[in-house]
Amino acid sequence: MSKYLGAKHKLCRRLGECIWGSGKCPSLERPFPPGQHGQNMRRKLSVYGGQLLEKQKIRMHYGLLERQMRKTFAKAQRMGGVTGTNLLMLLESRLDCIVYRMGFGRTIPQARQLVVHGHFLVNGKKVDRPSFQIKPGMVVTVDERSRKVPVLAEGAENPPATIPEYLDRPVDSFEGKMVSTPTLDNIPFKPNTAAVIGFYSR
């Protein structure tokens, strides 16, 4: 499991946008690098620099180590079709991301921690691996013994205002279901996948 231990909002400002899902992120009002000269920087990124930046946005948003990112990209290439679409579909289908999209975690890192601690069942069986791939028809449920955990109880009572179309989660429910495969049109996170393909194709 990967875990970023640095200053999260500082990283968001460095990348130019919020990647942690926080509505209070300073990058929403100040989308430029931190520091005395951050707002006045006029340096133009090279092609490689732009590709690297987009790759880092995806990697940090989903909380992956570089090795995990490369492995997922290679799998997306082997699937055939559009590699960028396959990459996002694989990342959005991870159990930790599904838990976050359903509203049981305030951020993907928090959702990952909840998964690792064994608070979720998939089709009735305990799964504590954040990278577990959820497929259409699978049901994700909060373990009966974990329903008094504050963040999970709050998530059940206060679901997100909008849940992606590929997920179904009734109000006041401790479970949700993937009803279809995530696509570029209904995935909330909109990175530049073409830049990532260019980065790994060098």
C-alpha atoms as a PDB file:
ATOM      1  CA  MET A   1       0.000   0.000   0.000  1.00  0.00           C
ATOM      2  CA  SER A   2       1.343   3.427  -0.926  1.00  0.00           C
ATOM      3  CA  LYS A   3       0.985   6.424   1.308  1.00  0.00           C
ATOM      4  CA  TYR A   4       1.987  10.033   0.601  1.00  0.00           C
ATOM      5  CA  LEU A   5       3.373  11.605   3.769  1.00  0.00           C
ATOM      6  CA  GLY A   6       4.171  15.089   2.482  1.00  0.00           C
ATOM      7  CA  ALA A   7       2.115  18.303   2.578  1.00  0.00           C
ATOM      8  CA  LYS A   8      -0.966  17.356   0.563  1.00  0.00           C
ATOM      9  CA  HIS A   9      -2.295  20.819  -0.251  1.00  0.00           C
ATOM     10  CA  LYS A  10       1.184  21.991  -1.198  1.00  0.00           C
ATOM     11  CA  LEU A  11       1.351  19.139  -3.702  1.00  0.00           C
ATOM     12  CA  CYS A  12      -2.047  20.135  -5.118  1.00  0.00           C
ATOM     13  CA  ARG A  13      -0.799  23.648  -5.735  1.00  0.00           C
ATOM     14  CA  ARG A  14       2.355  22.304  -7.364  1.00  0.00           C
ATOM     15  CA  LEU A  15       0.233  20.187  -9.736  1.00  0.00           C
ATOM     16  CA  GLY A  16      -2.228  23.010 -10.371  1.00  0.00           C
ATOM     17  CA  GLU A  17      -5.429  21.343  -9.120  1.00  0.00           C
ATOM     18  CA  CYS A  18      -6.916  19.486  -6.161  1.00  0.00           C
ATOM     19  CA  ILE A  19      -6.208  15.754  -6.407  1.00  0.00           C
ATOM     20  CA  TRP A  20      -7.476  14.634  -2.989  1.00  0.00           C
ATOM     21  CA  GLY A  21     -11.172  15.478  -3.339  1.00  0.00           C
ATOM     22  CA  SER A  22     -11.190  18.183  -0.665  1.00  0.00           C
ATOM     23  CA  GLY A  23     -13.596  21.085  -1.150  1.00  0.00           C
ATOM     24  CA  LYS A  24     -11.383  23.289   1.026  1.00  0.00           C
ATOM     25  CA  CYS A  25      -8.145  22.742  -0.914  1.00  0.00           C
ATOM     26  CA  PRO A  26      -6.166  26.022  -1.366  1.00  0.00           C
ATOM     27  CA  SER A  27      -5.445  25.056  -4.995  1.00  0.00           C
ATOM     28  CA  LEU A  28      -9.075  25.853  -5.852  1.00  0.00           C
ATOM     29  CA  GLU A  29      -8.386  29.535  -5.199  1.00  0.00           C
ATOM     30  CA  ARG A  30      -4.637  29.556  -5.834  1.00  0.00           C
ATOM     31  CA  PRO A  31      -3.869  27.137  -8.717  1.00  0.00           C
ATOM     32  CA  PHE A  32      -0.192  28.035  -8.900  1.00  0.00           C
ATOM     33  CA  PRO A  33       2.956  26.700  -7.181  1.00  0.00           C
ATOM     34  CA  PRO A  34       3.536  27.662  -3.521  1.00  0.00           C
ATOM     35  CA  GLY A  35       6.300  30.003  -2.520  1.00  0.00           C
ATOM     36  CA  GLN A  36       7.208  33.655  -2.905  1.00  0.00           C
ATOM     37  CA  HIS A  37       7.486  33.527  -6.691  1.00  0.00           C
ATOM     38  CA  GLY A  38       4.876  30.859  -7.434  1.00  0.00           C
ATOM     39  CA  GLN A  39       2.269  33.213  -8.903  1.00  0.00           C
ATOM     40  CA  ASN A  40       4.774  34.998 -11.128  1.00  0.00           C
ATOM     41  CA  MET A  41       6.428  31.924 -12.628  1.00  0.00           C
ATOM     42  CA  ARG A  42       6.401  32.120 -16.424  1.00  0.00           C
ATOM     43  CA  ARG A  43       8.369  28.974 -17.178  1.00  0.00           C
ATOM     44  CA  LYS A  44       6.841  26.938 -19.988  1.00  0.00           C
ATOM     45  CA  LEU A  45       6.768  23.186 -19.495  1.00  0.00           C
ATOM     46  CA  SER A  46       8.475  20.962 -22.046  1.00  0.00           C
ATOM     47  CA  VAL A  47       6.502  18.150 -23.679  1.00  0.00           C
ATOM     48  CA  TYR A  48       8.109  15.683 -21.280  1.00  0.00           C
ATOM     49  CA  GLY A  49       7.385  17.973 -18.319  1.00  0.00           C
ATOM     50  CA  GLY A  50       3.702  18.183 -19.250  1.00  0.00           C
ATOM     51  CA  GLN A  51       3.435  14.433 -19.663  1.00  0.00           C
ATOM     52  CA  LEU A  52       5.140  13.842 -16.334  1.00  0.00           C
ATOM     53  CA  LEU A  53       2.799  16.301 -14.609  1.00  0.00           C
ATOM     54  CA  GLU A  54      -0.315  14.546 -15.930  1.00  0.00           C
ATOM     55  CA  LYS A  55       1.048  11.144 -14.958  1.00  0.00           C
ATOM     56  CA  GLN A  56       1.762  12.390 -11.431  1.00  0.00           C
ATOM     57  CA  LYS A  57      -1.765  13.787 -11.129  1.00  0.00           C
ATOM     58  CA  ILE A  58      -3.251  10.372 -11.835  1.00  0.00           C
ATOM     59  CA  ARG A  59      -0.754   8.537  -9.642  1.00  0.00           C
ATOM     60  CA  MET A  60      -1.330  10.823  -6.668  1.00  0.00           C
ATOM     61  CA  HIS A  61      -5.110  10.958  -7.096  1.00  0.00           C
ATOM     62  CA  TYR A  62      -5.394   7.177  -6.881  1.00  0.00           C
ATOM     63  CA  GLY A  63      -2.523   6.787  -4.392  1.00  0.00           C
ATOM     64  CA  LEU A  64      -0.304   4.509  -6.464  1.00  0.00           C
ATOM     65  CA  LEU A  65       3.400   3.830  -6.301  1.00  0.00           C
ATOM     66  CA  GLU A  66       5.245   4.227  -9.604  1.00  0.00           C
ATOM     67  CA  ARG A  67       5.584   0.459  -9.932  1.00  0.00           C
ATOM     68  CA  GLN A  68       1.829   0.011  -9.440  1.00  0.00           C
ATOM     69  CA  MET A  69       1.121   2.718 -12.020  1.00  0.00           C
ATOM     70  CA  ARG A  70       3.365   1.072 -14.622  1.00  0.00           C
ATOM     71  CA  LYS A  71       1.815  -2.334 -13.955  1.00  0.00           C
ATOM     72  CA  THR A  72      -1.715  -0.949 -14.369  1.00  0.00           C
ATOM     73  CA  PHE A  73      -0.736   0.875 -17.576  1.00  0.00           C
ATOM     74  CA  ALA A  74       0.781  -2.312 -19.016  1.00  0.00           C
ATOM     75  CA  LYS A  75      -2.446  -4.197 -18.209  1.00  0.00           C
ATOM     76  CA  ALA A  76      -4.475  -1.449 -19.921  1.00  0.00           C
ATOM     77  CA  GLN A  77      -2.336  -1.839 -23.053  1.00  0.00           C
ATOM     78  CA  ARG A  78      -2.862  -5.604 -23.163  1.00  0.00           C
ATOM     79  CA  MET A  79      -6.654  -5.240 -22.965  1.00  0.00           C
ATOM     80  CA  GLY A  80      -6.907  -3.834 -26.483  1.00  0.00           C
ATOM     81  CA  GLY A  81      -8.992  -0.842 -27.492  1.00  0.00           C
ATOM     82  CA  VAL A  82      -8.216   2.660 -26.172  1.00  0.00           C
ATOM     83  CA  THR A  83      -5.413   2.431 -23.611  1.00  0.00           C
ATOM     84  CA  GLY A  84      -6.340   5.679 -21.829  1.00  0.00           C
ATOM     85  CA  THR A  85      -9.947   4.565 -21.337  1.00  0.00           C
ATOM     86  CA  ASN A  86      -8.801   1.148 -20.128  1.00  0.00           C
ATOM     87  CA  LEU A  87      -6.396   2.764 -17.650  1.00  0.00           C
ATOM     88  CA  LEU A  88      -9.066   4.926 -16.034  1.00  0.00           C
ATOM     89  CA  MET A  89     -11.540   2.027 -15.994  1.00  0.00           C
ATOM     90  CA  LEU A  90      -9.035  -0.160 -14.123  1.00  0.00           C
ATOM     91  CA  LEU A  91      -8.222   2.592 -11.632  1.00  0.00           C
ATOM     92  CA  GLU A  92     -11.868   3.507 -11.006  1.00  0.00           C
ATOM     93  CA  SER A  93     -12.720  -0.169 -10.460  1.00  0.00           C
ATOM     94  CA  ARG A  94     -10.291  -0.538  -7.547  1.00  0.00           C
ATOM     95  CA  LEU A  95     -12.087  -1.339  -4.288  1.00  0.00           C
ATOM     96  CA  ASP A  96     -10.652   1.693  -2.444  1.00  0.00           C
ATOM     97  CA  CYS A  97     -11.866   4.022  -5.208  1.00  0.00           C
ATOM     98  CA  ILE A  98     -15.338   2.411  -5.258  1.00  0.00           C
ATOM     99  CA  VAL A  99     -15.614   2.838  -1.471  1.00  0.00           C
ATOM    100  CA  TYR A 100     -14.702   6.522  -1.880  1.00  0.00           C
ATOM    101  CA  ARG A 101     -17.143   7.115  -4.760  1.00  0.00           C
ATOM    102  CA  MET A 102     -19.941   5.528  -2.705  1.00  0.00           C
ATOM    103  CA  GLY A 103     -19.278   8.008   0.089  1.00  0.00           C
ATOM    104  CA  PHE A 104     -17.891   5.708   2.781  1.00  0.00           C
ATOM    105  CA  GLY A 105     -14.588   7.605   2.857  1.00  0.00           C
ATOM    106  CA  ARG A 106     -13.939  11.331   2.643  1.00  0.00           C
ATOM    107  CA  THR A 107     -10.870  10.763   0.449  1.00  0.00           C
ATOM    108  CA  ILE A 108      -9.361   7.835  -1.440  1.00  0.00           C
ATOM    109  CA  PRO A 109      -6.505   7.498   1.126  1.00  0.00           C
ATOM    110  CA  GLN A 110      -9.072   7.245   3.934  1.00  0.00           C
ATOM    111  CA  ALA A 111     -11.111   4.724   1.934  1.00  0.00           C
ATOM    112  CA  ARG A 112      -7.942   2.682   1.382  1.00  0.00           C
ATOM    113  CA  GLN A 113      -7.258   2.615   5.115  1.00  0.00           C
ATOM    114  CA  LEU A 114     -10.814   1.433   5.821  1.00  0.00           C
ATOM    115  CA  VAL A 115     -10.428  -1.365   3.267  1.00  0.00           C
ATOM    116  CA  VAL A 116      -7.068  -2.482   4.687  1.00  0.00           C
ATOM    117  CA  HIS A 117      -8.595  -2.625   8.186  1.00  0.00           C
ATOM    118  CA  GLY A 118     -11.148  -5.148   6.935  1.00  0.00           C
ATOM    119  CA  HIS A 119     -14.347  -3.100   7.140  1.00  0.00           C
ATOM    120  CA  PHE A 120     -15.772  -4.205   3.753  1.00  0.00           C
ATOM    121  CA  LEU A 121     -17.207  -7.311   2.137  1.00  0.00           C
ATOM    122  CA  VAL A 122     -17.448  -8.001  -1.595  1.00  0.00           C
ATOM    123  CA  ASN A 123     -20.291 -10.373  -2.478  1.00  0.00           C
ATOM    124  CA  GLY A 124     -20.399 -11.394   1.174  1.00  0.00           C
ATOM    125  CA  LYS A 125     -16.673 -12.165   1.513  1.00  0.00           C
ATOM    126  CA  LYS A 126     -14.165 -10.026   3.408  1.00  0.00           C
ATOM    127  CA  VAL A 127     -11.674  -8.234   1.132  1.00  0.00           C
ATOM    128  CA  ASP A 128      -8.846  -6.136   2.575  1.00  0.00           C
ATOM    129  CA  ARG A 129      -6.907  -5.505  -0.648  1.00  0.00           C
ATOM    130  CA  PRO A 130      -7.400  -1.935  -1.970  1.00  0.00           C
ATOM    131  CA  SER A 131      -6.407  -2.920  -5.519  1.00  0.00           C
ATOM    132  CA  PHE A 132      -9.131  -5.613  -5.746  1.00  0.00           C
ATOM    133  CA  GLN A 133     -11.005  -5.112  -9.029  1.00  0.00           C
ATOM    134  CA  ILE A 134     -14.749  -4.628  -8.681  1.00  0.00           C
ATOM    135  CA  LYS A 135     -16.772  -5.822 -11.687  1.00  0.00           C
ATOM    136  CA  PRO A 136     -20.368  -5.084 -12.755  1.00  0.00           C
ATOM    137  CA  GLY A 137     -22.781  -7.020 -10.565  1.00  0.00           C
ATOM    138  CA  MET A 138     -20.514  -7.133  -7.518  1.00  0.00           C
ATOM    139  CA  VAL A 139     -21.945  -5.808  -4.234  1.00  0.00           C
ATOM    140  CA  VAL A 140     -19.749  -3.922  -1.745  1.00  0.00           C
ATOM    141  CA  THR A 141     -21.037  -3.998   1.844  1.00  0.00           C
ATOM    142  CA  VAL A 142     -19.836  -2.517   5.125  1.00  0.00           C
ATOM    143  CA  ASP A 143     -19.188  -5.368   7.578  1.00  0.00           C
ATOM    144  CA  GLU A 144     -21.946  -5.673  10.185  1.00  0.00           C
ATOM    145  CA  ARG A 145     -19.394  -5.275  12.978  1.00  0.00           C
ATOM    146  CA  SER A 146     -18.022  -2.048  11.467  1.00  0.00           C
ATOM    147  CA  ARG A 147     -21.244  -0.092  11.078  1.00  0.00           C
ATOM    148  CA  LYS A 148     -20.733   1.881  14.272  1.00  0.00           C
ATOM    149  CA  VAL A 149     -17.394   3.267  13.064  1.00  0.00           C
ATOM    150  CA  PRO A 150     -18.127   7.048  12.912  1.00  0.00           C
ATOM    151  CA  VAL A 151     -16.924   7.700   9.365  1.00  0.00           C
ATOM    152  CA  LEU A 152     -18.870   4.702   8.011  1.00  0.00           C
ATOM    153  CA  ALA A 153     -22.043   5.563   9.923  1.00  0.00           C
ATOM    154  CA  GLU A 154     -21.796   9.144   8.651  1.00  0.00           C
ATOM    155  CA  GLY A 155     -21.224   7.918   5.111  1.00  0.00           C
ATOM    156  CA  ALA A 156     -24.351   5.770   5.247  1.00  0.00           C
ATOM    157  CA  GLU A 157     -26.503   8.631   6.547  1.00  0.00           C
ATOM    158  CA  ASN A 158     -25.040  11.308   4.260  1.00  0.00           C
ATOM    159  CA  PRO A 159     -24.293   9.881   0.797  1.00  0.00           C
ATOM    160  CA  PRO A 160     -22.557  12.082  -1.789  1.00  0.00           C
ATOM    161  CA  ALA A 161     -24.704  14.571  -3.675  1.00  0.00           C
ATOM    162  CA  THR A 162     -23.764  12.809  -6.899  1.00  0.00           C
ATOM    163  CA  ILE A 163     -22.723   9.176  -7.281  1.00  0.00           C
ATOM    164  CA  PRO A 164     -21.294   8.031 -10.641  1.00  0.00           C
ATOM    165  CA  GLU A 165     -23.761   6.348 -12.997  1.00  0.00           C
ATOM    166  CA  TYR A 166     -21.882   3.054 -12.864  1.00  0.00           C
ATOM    167  CA  LEU A 167     -22.646   2.727  -9.129  1.00  0.00           C
ATOM    168  CA  ASP A 168     -25.920   2.235  -7.266  1.00  0.00           C
ATOM    169  CA  ARG A 169     -26.118   3.003  -3.554  1.00  0.00           C
ATOM    170  CA  PRO A 170     -29.485   3.470  -1.826  1.00  0.00           C
ATOM    171  CA  VAL A 171     -29.815   6.246   0.755  1.00  0.00           C
ATOM    172  CA  ASP A 172     -29.210   5.162   4.391  1.00  0.00           C
ATOM    173  CA  SER A 173     -27.705   1.916   3.126  1.00  0.00           C
ATOM    174  CA  PHE A 174     -24.426   0.279   4.098  1.00  0.00           C
ATOM    175  CA  GLU A 175     -23.980  -1.325   0.708  1.00  0.00           C
ATOM    176  CA  GLY A 176     -23.674  -0.428  -2.942  1.00  0.00           C
ATOM    177  CA  LYS A 177     -23.369  -2.176  -6.277  1.00  0.00           C
ATOM    178  CA  MET A 178     -21.417  -1.641  -9.477  1.00  0.00           C
ATOM    179  CA  VAL A 179     -24.052  -1.735 -12.199  1.00  0.00           C
ATOM    180  CA  SER A 180     -21.876  -1.061 -15.255  1.00  0.00           C
ATOM    181  CA  THR A 181     -18.274  -0.561 -16.355  1.00  0.00           C
ATOM    182  CA  PRO A 182     -16.876   2.969 -15.755  1.00  0.00           C
ATOM    183  CA  THR A 183     -16.438   5.012 -18.944  1.00  0.00           C
ATOM    184  CA  LEU A 184     -14.777   8.312 -19.796  1.00  0.00           C
ATOM    185  CA  ASP A 185     -18.194  10.006 -19.845  1.00  0.00           C
ATOM    186  CA  ASN A 186     -19.186   9.104 -16.279  1.00  0.00           C
ATOM    187  CA  ILE A 187     -15.856   8.990 -14.418  1.00  0.00           C
ATOM    188  CA  PRO A 188     -15.676  12.111 -12.166  1.00  0.00           C
ATOM    189  CA  PHE A 189     -11.870  12.493 -12.478  1.00  0.00           C
ATOM    190  CA  LYS A 190     -10.882  13.884 -15.906  1.00  0.00           C
ATOM    191  CA  PRO A 191      -7.089  13.603 -16.407  1.00  0.00           C
ATOM    192  CA  ASN A 192      -5.239  13.901 -19.711  1.00  0.00           C
ATOM    193  CA  THR A 193      -4.665  10.235 -20.469  1.00  0.00           C
ATOM    194  CA  ALA A 194      -3.071  10.995 -23.854  1.00  0.00           C
ATOM    195  CA  ALA A 195      -0.161  12.643 -22.028  1.00  0.00           C
ATOM    196  CA  VAL A 196       0.259   9.569 -19.831  1.00  0.00           C
ATOM    197  CA  ILE A 197       0.321   7.310 -22.895  1.00  0.00           C
ATOM    198  CA  GLY A 198       2.989   9.577 -24.391  1.00  0.00           C
ATOM    199  CA  PHE A 199       5.015   9.420 -21.185  1.00  0.00           C
ATOM    200  CA  TYR A 200       5.105   5.617 -21.017  1.00  0.00           C
ATOM    201  CA  SER A 201       5.596   5.232 -24.777  1.00  0.00           C
ATOM    202  CA  ARG A 202       8.925   7.071 -24.839  1.00  0.00           C
END
